[in-house]
């Protein structure tokens, strides 16, 4: 890596994200923007690449960027209780969301079955349900 680091383009490429994602993470305060040398390009250290990998893995586990910002504060691994509490809240939230999705699937399956029984006569029950009650 010339001049003590990598450009934003190289960083993005190695992290598997686009340049705008790096800039977005900077705006959100998740990664620091290095100083720009006079007449040169900002250079990112390998630690930033590891930080982006942390962010991406946390997102894959369902954490929001706001939650990730907090997790990053605990990234030294010494705050077990605080980190666990964040993860427990995430699991609780995910379980609620899963239950909501199950209800939606059940409703859609019922509409699909109703559609099969109706055999194309009258208004499609799926469209009728989406349209809502007639006023």
N, C-alpha and C. Protein backbone atom coordinates (compact mmCIF):
# COMPACT_ATOMS: atom_id res chain seq x y z
N UNK A 1 0.85 -1.18 0.00
CA UNK A 1 0.00 0.00 0.00
C UNK A 1 0.89 1.24 0.00
N UNK A 2 0.91 1.96 -1.08
CA UNK A 2 1.76 3.13 -1.16
C UNK A 2 1.29 4.23 -0.22
N UNK A 3 2.22 5.03 0.23
CA UNK A 3 1.96 6.22 1.03
C UNK A 3 1.17 5.90 2.30
N UNK A 4 1.40 4.73 2.90
CA UNK A 4 0.84 4.44 4.21
C UNK A 4 -0.64 4.18 4.28
N UNK A 5 -1.24 3.66 3.28
CA UNK A 5 -2.65 3.32 3.34
C UNK A 5 -3.23 3.12 1.97
N UNK A 6 -4.53 2.96 1.94
CA UNK A 6 -5.20 2.72 0.65
C UNK A 6 -6.20 3.84 0.37
N UNK A 7 -6.45 4.06 -0.89
CA UNK A 7 -7.43 5.06 -1.30
C UNK A 7 -8.83 4.56 -0.96
N UNK A 8 -9.79 5.44 -1.03
CA UNK A 8 -11.18 5.05 -0.74
C UNK A 8 -11.66 4.00 -1.75
N UNK A 9 -11.23 4.11 -2.99
CA UNK A 9 -11.62 3.13 -3.99
C UNK A 9 -11.07 1.75 -3.68
N UNK A 10 -9.81 1.69 -3.28
CA UNK A 10 -9.18 0.41 -2.93
C UNK A 10 -9.82 -0.15 -1.67
N UNK A 11 -10.08 0.71 -0.70
CA UNK A 11 -10.74 0.29 0.54
C UNK A 11 -12.10 -0.33 0.23
N UNK A 12 -12.89 0.37 -0.57
CA UNK A 12 -14.23 -0.11 -0.92
C UNK A 12 -14.13 -1.46 -1.63
N UNK A 13 -13.21 -1.57 -2.56
CA UNK A 13 -13.04 -2.81 -3.33
C UNK A 13 -12.68 -3.96 -2.39
N UNK A 14 -11.73 -3.74 -1.51
CA UNK A 14 -11.30 -4.81 -0.61
C UNK A 14 -12.38 -5.16 0.42
N UNK A 15 -13.20 -4.18 0.77
CA UNK A 15 -14.27 -4.41 1.74
C UNK A 15 -15.51 -5.03 1.09
N UNK A 16 -15.57 -5.00 -0.24
CA UNK A 16 -16.73 -5.55 -0.94
C UNK A 16 -17.94 -4.63 -0.89
N UNK A 17 -17.68 -3.32 -0.79
CA UNK A 17 -18.76 -2.33 -0.79
C UNK A 17 -18.42 -1.29 -1.85
N UNK A 18 -19.34 -0.37 -2.10
CA UNK A 18 -18.99 0.69 -3.04
C UNK A 18 -18.50 1.93 -2.27
N UNK A 19 -17.93 2.83 -2.99
CA UNK A 19 -17.34 4.03 -2.39
C UNK A 19 -18.40 4.83 -1.62
N UNK A 20 -19.60 4.89 -2.16
CA UNK A 20 -20.67 5.65 -1.48
C UNK A 20 -21.02 5.01 -0.13
N UNK A 21 -20.89 3.71 -0.01
CA UNK A 21 -21.13 3.06 1.28
C UNK A 21 -20.09 3.52 2.29
N UNK A 22 -18.83 3.58 1.87
CA UNK A 22 -17.77 4.06 2.76
C UNK A 22 -18.09 5.48 3.20
N UNK A 23 -18.46 6.32 2.26
CA UNK A 23 -18.78 7.71 2.60
C UNK A 23 -19.99 7.79 3.54
N UNK A 24 -20.98 6.94 3.30
CA UNK A 24 -22.16 6.90 4.16
C UNK A 24 -21.77 6.50 5.59
N UNK A 25 -20.93 5.49 5.72
CA UNK A 25 -20.46 5.08 7.05
C UNK A 25 -19.72 6.22 7.73
N UNK A 26 -18.98 6.99 6.95
CA UNK A 26 -18.27 8.16 7.50
C UNK A 26 -19.27 9.18 8.02
N UNK A 27 -20.29 9.49 7.20
CA UNK A 27 -21.30 10.47 7.61
C UNK A 27 -22.04 10.02 8.87
N UNK A 28 -22.25 8.72 8.99
CA UNK A 28 -22.94 8.17 10.17
C UNK A 28 -22.03 8.07 11.39
N UNK A 29 -20.75 8.36 11.21
CA UNK A 29 -19.81 8.30 12.32
C UNK A 29 -19.32 6.91 12.66
N UNK A 30 -19.54 5.96 11.74
CA UNK A 30 -19.12 4.59 11.99
C UNK A 30 -17.64 4.38 11.69
N UNK A 31 -17.12 5.14 10.73
CA UNK A 31 -15.69 5.12 10.45
C UNK A 31 -15.22 6.56 10.33
N UNK A 32 -13.96 6.77 10.68
CA UNK A 32 -13.39 8.10 10.60
C UNK A 32 -12.92 8.40 9.19
N UNK A 33 -13.02 9.66 8.82
CA UNK A 33 -12.50 10.11 7.54
C UNK A 33 -11.08 10.62 7.79
N UNK A 34 -10.09 10.01 7.13
CA UNK A 34 -8.72 10.47 7.35
C UNK A 34 -8.50 11.87 6.77
N UNK A 35 -7.51 12.53 7.30
CA UNK A 35 -7.16 13.86 6.80
C UNK A 35 -6.68 13.74 5.36
N UNK A 36 -6.97 14.78 4.60
CA UNK A 36 -6.53 14.80 3.20
C UNK A 36 -5.23 15.60 3.12
N UNK A 37 -4.15 14.94 2.70
CA UNK A 37 -2.89 15.68 2.58
C UNK A 37 -2.96 16.68 1.43
N UNK A 38 -2.23 17.72 1.56
CA UNK A 38 -2.20 18.76 0.52
C UNK A 38 -1.81 18.15 -0.81
N UNK A 39 -2.70 18.29 -1.79
CA UNK A 39 -2.43 17.79 -3.14
C UNK A 39 -2.45 16.28 -3.26
N UNK A 40 -2.95 15.58 -2.25
CA UNK A 40 -2.95 14.12 -2.30
C UNK A 40 -4.33 13.55 -2.07
N UNK A 41 -4.35 12.26 -1.85
CA UNK A 41 -5.59 11.53 -1.60
C UNK A 41 -5.61 11.04 -0.16
N UNK A 42 -6.81 10.99 0.40
CA UNK A 42 -6.96 10.43 1.75
C UNK A 42 -6.49 8.97 1.70
N UNK A 43 -5.86 8.55 2.76
CA UNK A 43 -5.38 7.18 2.85
C UNK A 43 -5.99 6.50 4.08
N UNK A 44 -6.56 5.33 3.85
CA UNK A 44 -7.22 4.56 4.89
C UNK A 44 -6.31 3.43 5.35
N UNK A 45 -6.26 3.24 6.65
CA UNK A 45 -5.44 2.19 7.24
C UNK A 45 -6.20 0.86 7.24
N UNK A 46 -5.49 -0.26 7.35
CA UNK A 46 -6.14 -1.59 7.38
C UNK A 46 -7.18 -1.74 8.50
N UNK A 47 -7.03 -0.97 9.57
CA UNK A 47 -8.01 -1.05 10.66
C UNK A 47 -9.40 -0.64 10.18
N UNK A 48 -9.47 0.25 9.20
CA UNK A 48 -10.76 0.68 8.66
C UNK A 48 -11.41 -0.47 7.89
N UNK A 49 -10.60 -1.24 7.20
CA UNK A 49 -11.11 -2.41 6.48
C UNK A 49 -11.72 -3.40 7.48
N UNK A 50 -11.06 -3.63 8.60
CA UNK A 50 -11.60 -4.52 9.63
C UNK A 50 -12.88 -3.95 10.24
N UNK A 51 -12.93 -2.64 10.39
CA UNK A 51 -14.13 -2.00 10.94
C UNK A 51 -15.32 -2.16 9.99
N UNK A 52 -15.08 -1.99 8.70
CA UNK A 52 -16.16 -2.18 7.72
C UNK A 52 -16.63 -3.63 7.74
N UNK A 53 -15.69 -4.57 7.86
CA UNK A 53 -16.07 -5.98 7.95
C UNK A 53 -16.94 -6.22 9.18
N UNK A 54 -16.61 -5.59 10.29
CA UNK A 54 -17.41 -5.68 11.52
C UNK A 54 -18.82 -5.16 11.26
N UNK A 55 -18.91 -4.00 10.63
CA UNK A 55 -20.21 -3.39 10.33
C UNK A 55 -21.04 -4.31 9.46
N UNK A 56 -20.43 -4.85 8.42
CA UNK A 56 -21.16 -5.72 7.49
C UNK A 56 -21.64 -7.00 8.17
N UNK A 57 -20.81 -7.60 9.02
CA UNK A 57 -21.22 -8.81 9.73
C UNK A 57 -22.36 -8.50 10.70
N UNK A 58 -22.27 -7.36 11.37
CA UNK A 58 -23.34 -6.96 12.29
C UNK A 58 -24.65 -6.73 11.54
N UNK A 59 -24.56 -6.11 10.35
CA UNK A 59 -25.77 -5.91 9.53
C UNK A 59 -26.36 -7.25 9.13
N UNK A 60 -25.50 -8.21 8.79
CA UNK A 60 -25.98 -9.54 8.39
C UNK A 60 -26.71 -10.23 9.54
N UNK A 61 -26.37 -9.88 10.78
CA UNK A 61 -27.07 -10.42 11.94
C UNK A 61 -28.34 -9.65 12.28
N UNK A 62 -28.63 -8.61 11.49
CA UNK A 62 -29.87 -7.87 11.67
C UNK A 62 -29.75 -6.59 12.48
N UNK A 63 -28.55 -6.23 12.88
CA UNK A 63 -28.39 -5.01 13.66
C UNK A 63 -28.52 -3.79 12.76
N UNK A 64 -29.17 -2.75 13.28
CA UNK A 64 -29.29 -1.48 12.56
C UNK A 64 -27.97 -0.73 12.69
N UNK A 65 -27.79 0.30 11.87
CA UNK A 65 -26.57 1.10 11.97
C UNK A 65 -26.48 1.81 13.32
N UNK A 66 -27.61 2.20 13.89
CA UNK A 66 -27.59 2.82 15.22
C UNK A 66 -27.11 1.82 16.26
N UNK A 67 -27.58 0.59 16.17
CA UNK A 67 -27.13 -0.45 17.10
C UNK A 67 -25.66 -0.77 16.87
N UNK A 68 -25.25 -0.77 15.62
CA UNK A 68 -23.86 -1.05 15.29
C UNK A 68 -22.94 0.03 15.86
N UNK A 69 -23.38 1.27 15.83
CA UNK A 69 -22.59 2.35 16.42
C UNK A 69 -22.31 2.07 17.89
N UNK A 70 -23.29 1.55 18.59
CA UNK A 70 -23.09 1.21 20.00
C UNK A 70 -22.17 0.00 20.13
N UNK A 71 -22.40 -1.01 19.29
CA UNK A 71 -21.54 -2.20 19.33
C UNK A 71 -20.08 -1.85 19.05
N UNK A 72 -19.87 -0.89 18.17
CA UNK A 72 -18.50 -0.47 17.86
C UNK A 72 -17.80 0.11 19.10
N UNK A 73 -18.57 0.75 19.96
CA UNK A 73 -17.99 1.29 21.20
C UNK A 73 -17.52 0.15 22.11
N UNK A 74 -18.13 -1.01 21.96
CA UNK A 74 -17.79 -2.18 22.77
C UNK A 74 -16.89 -3.17 22.01
N UNK A 75 -16.37 -2.77 20.88
CA UNK A 75 -15.65 -3.70 20.01
C UNK A 75 -14.33 -4.21 20.57
N UNK A 76 -13.91 -3.67 21.71
CA UNK A 76 -12.71 -4.23 22.33
C UNK A 76 -13.02 -5.55 23.02
N UNK A 77 -14.32 -5.89 23.13
CA UNK A 77 -14.73 -7.19 23.65
C UNK A 77 -14.79 -7.29 25.16
N UNK A 78 -14.66 -6.20 25.88
CA UNK A 78 -14.64 -6.27 27.35
C UNK A 78 -16.00 -5.99 27.98
N UNK A 79 -16.97 -5.53 27.22
CA UNK A 79 -18.29 -5.17 27.76
C UNK A 79 -19.31 -6.26 27.44
N UNK A 80 -19.12 -7.40 28.00
CA UNK A 80 -19.96 -8.55 27.71
C UNK A 80 -21.43 -8.29 28.02
N UNK A 81 -21.71 -7.77 29.20
CA UNK A 81 -23.10 -7.58 29.63
C UNK A 81 -23.82 -6.61 28.71
N UNK A 82 -23.22 -5.48 28.42
CA UNK A 82 -23.84 -4.47 27.56
C UNK A 82 -24.07 -5.01 26.15
N UNK A 83 -23.08 -5.73 25.65
CA UNK A 83 -23.20 -6.31 24.31
C UNK A 83 -24.30 -7.36 24.28
N UNK A 84 -24.34 -8.20 25.31
CA UNK A 84 -25.37 -9.23 25.39
C UNK A 84 -26.76 -8.61 25.45
N UNK A 85 -26.91 -7.51 26.19
CA UNK A 85 -28.22 -6.85 26.30
C UNK A 85 -28.68 -6.33 24.94
N UNK A 86 -27.77 -5.80 24.16
CA UNK A 86 -28.11 -5.33 22.81
C UNK A 86 -28.56 -6.52 21.95
N UNK A 87 -27.82 -7.62 22.04
CA UNK A 87 -28.18 -8.81 21.26
C UNK A 87 -29.52 -9.38 21.71
N UNK A 88 -29.78 -9.37 23.01
CA UNK A 88 -31.06 -9.88 23.52
C UNK A 88 -32.23 -9.03 23.02
N UNK A 89 -32.05 -7.72 23.00
CA UNK A 89 -33.10 -6.84 22.47
C UNK A 89 -33.32 -7.11 20.98
N UNK A 90 -32.24 -7.36 20.25
CA UNK A 90 -32.35 -7.66 18.82
C UNK A 90 -33.12 -8.96 18.61
N UNK A 91 -32.82 -9.98 19.39
CA UNK A 91 -33.53 -11.26 19.27
C UNK A 91 -35.02 -11.07 19.57
N UNK A 92 -35.33 -10.30 20.60
CA UNK A 92 -36.72 -10.01 20.94
C UNK A 92 -37.44 -9.32 19.78
N UNK A 93 -36.78 -8.34 19.21
CA UNK A 93 -37.34 -7.61 18.07
C UNK A 93 -37.52 -8.53 16.86
N UNK A 94 -36.53 -9.37 16.61
CA UNK A 94 -36.62 -10.30 15.48
C UNK A 94 -37.76 -11.30 15.68
N UNK A 95 -37.94 -11.78 16.90
CA UNK A 95 -39.03 -12.72 17.17
C UNK A 95 -40.39 -12.08 16.93
N UNK A 96 -40.55 -10.83 17.29
CA UNK A 96 -41.80 -10.11 17.02
C UNK A 96 -42.01 -10.00 15.51
N UNK A 97 -40.95 -9.64 14.81
CA UNK A 97 -41.03 -9.50 13.35
C UNK A 97 -41.36 -10.84 12.69
N UNK A 98 -40.75 -11.91 13.18
CA UNK A 98 -41.01 -13.25 12.63
C UNK A 98 -42.48 -13.60 12.82
N UNK A 99 -43.04 -13.31 13.99
CA UNK A 99 -44.45 -13.59 14.24
C UNK A 99 -45.35 -12.79 13.30
N UNK A 100 -44.99 -11.53 13.07
CA UNK A 100 -45.76 -10.71 12.13
C UNK A 100 -45.69 -11.30 10.72
N UNK A 101 -44.52 -11.75 10.32
CA UNK A 101 -44.37 -12.35 8.99
C UNK A 101 -45.17 -13.66 8.88
N UNK A 102 -45.21 -14.44 9.95
CA UNK A 102 -46.00 -15.68 9.94
C UNK A 102 -47.48 -15.36 9.73
N UNK A 103 -47.97 -14.32 10.40
CA UNK A 103 -49.37 -13.92 10.24
C UNK A 103 -49.64 -13.48 8.80
N UNK A 104 -48.72 -12.73 8.23
CA UNK A 104 -48.87 -12.28 6.84
C UNK A 104 -48.90 -13.48 5.90
N UNK A 105 -48.00 -14.43 6.11
CA UNK A 105 -47.96 -15.64 5.27
C UNK A 105 -49.28 -16.40 5.39
N UNK A 106 -49.78 -16.53 6.59
CA UNK A 106 -51.03 -17.23 6.81
C UNK A 106 -52.18 -16.55 6.07
N UNK A 107 -52.23 -15.22 6.16
CA UNK A 107 -53.27 -14.46 5.48
C UNK A 107 -53.15 -14.62 3.96
N UNK A 108 -51.93 -14.52 3.45
CA UNK A 108 -51.73 -14.68 2.01
C UNK A 108 -52.08 -16.09 1.54
N UNK A 109 -51.71 -17.10 2.31
CA UNK A 109 -52.05 -18.47 1.95
C UNK A 109 -53.56 -18.67 1.91
N UNK A 110 -54.27 -18.07 2.87
CA UNK A 110 -55.74 -18.17 2.87
C UNK A 110 -56.33 -17.50 1.63
N UNK A 111 -55.78 -16.35 1.25
CA UNK A 111 -56.26 -15.65 0.05
C UNK A 111 -55.95 -16.45 -1.22
N UNK A 112 -54.80 -17.09 -1.25
CA UNK A 112 -54.43 -17.91 -2.40
C UNK A 112 -55.41 -19.08 -2.53
N UNK A 113 -55.71 -19.72 -1.41
CA UNK A 113 -56.67 -20.83 -1.45
C UNK A 113 -58.04 -20.36 -1.89
N UNK A 114 -58.46 -19.19 -1.37
CA UNK A 114 -59.75 -18.61 -1.77
C UNK A 114 -59.76 -18.33 -3.27
N UNK A 115 -58.64 -17.88 -3.79
CA UNK A 115 -58.52 -17.60 -5.21
C UNK A 115 -58.64 -18.88 -6.04
N UNK A 116 -58.05 -19.95 -5.56
CA UNK A 116 -58.13 -21.24 -6.27
C UNK A 116 -59.57 -21.75 -6.31
N UNK A 117 -60.28 -21.61 -5.19
CA UNK A 117 -61.66 -22.09 -5.10
C UNK A 117 -62.57 -21.27 -5.99
N UNK A 118 -62.33 -19.96 -6.09
CA UNK A 118 -63.17 -19.07 -6.88
C UNK A 118 -63.05 -19.29 -8.37
N UNK A 119 -61.99 -19.89 -8.83
CA UNK A 119 -61.77 -20.26 -10.24
C UNK A 119 -62.02 -19.10 -11.20
N UNK A 120 -61.60 -17.90 -10.82
CA UNK A 120 -61.68 -16.78 -11.75
C UNK A 120 -63.03 -16.12 -11.86
N UNK A 121 -63.96 -16.45 -10.99
CA UNK A 121 -65.28 -15.83 -11.04
C UNK A 121 -65.36 -14.70 -10.04
N UNK A 122 -65.84 -13.54 -10.48
CA UNK A 122 -65.97 -12.38 -9.60
C UNK A 122 -64.63 -11.67 -9.41
N UNK A 123 -64.54 -10.87 -8.37
CA UNK A 123 -63.32 -10.11 -8.07
C UNK A 123 -62.32 -11.02 -7.38
N UNK A 124 -61.09 -10.96 -7.80
CA UNK A 124 -60.02 -11.75 -7.21
C UNK A 124 -59.92 -11.43 -5.71
N UNK A 125 -59.94 -12.43 -4.85
CA UNK A 125 -59.90 -12.17 -3.42
C UNK A 125 -58.60 -11.50 -2.95
N UNK A 126 -57.52 -11.74 -3.66
CA UNK A 126 -56.25 -11.12 -3.31
C UNK A 126 -56.34 -9.62 -3.56
N UNK A 127 -56.81 -9.23 -4.74
CA UNK A 127 -56.97 -7.81 -5.08
C UNK A 127 -58.00 -7.17 -4.17
N UNK A 128 -59.08 -7.87 -3.89
CA UNK A 128 -60.13 -7.36 -3.03
C UNK A 128 -59.57 -7.07 -1.63
N UNK A 129 -58.75 -7.96 -1.10
CA UNK A 129 -58.15 -7.78 0.21
C UNK A 129 -57.19 -6.60 0.24
N UNK A 130 -56.39 -6.47 -0.80
CA UNK A 130 -55.42 -5.36 -0.88
C UNK A 130 -56.16 -4.03 -1.02
N UNK A 131 -57.24 -4.03 -1.77
CA UNK A 131 -58.00 -2.81 -2.00
C UNK A 131 -58.68 -2.32 -0.73
N UNK A 132 -58.98 -3.23 0.18
CA UNK A 132 -59.60 -2.83 1.43
C UNK A 132 -61.11 -2.81 1.30
N UNK A 133 -61.78 -2.44 2.37
CA UNK A 133 -63.24 -2.43 2.36
C UNK A 133 -63.80 -1.36 1.41
N UNK A 134 -64.88 -1.72 0.79
CA UNK A 134 -65.53 -0.75 -0.12
C UNK A 134 -66.22 0.31 0.71
N UNK A 135 -66.12 1.53 0.23
CA UNK A 135 -66.76 2.63 0.97
C UNK A 135 -67.99 3.12 0.26
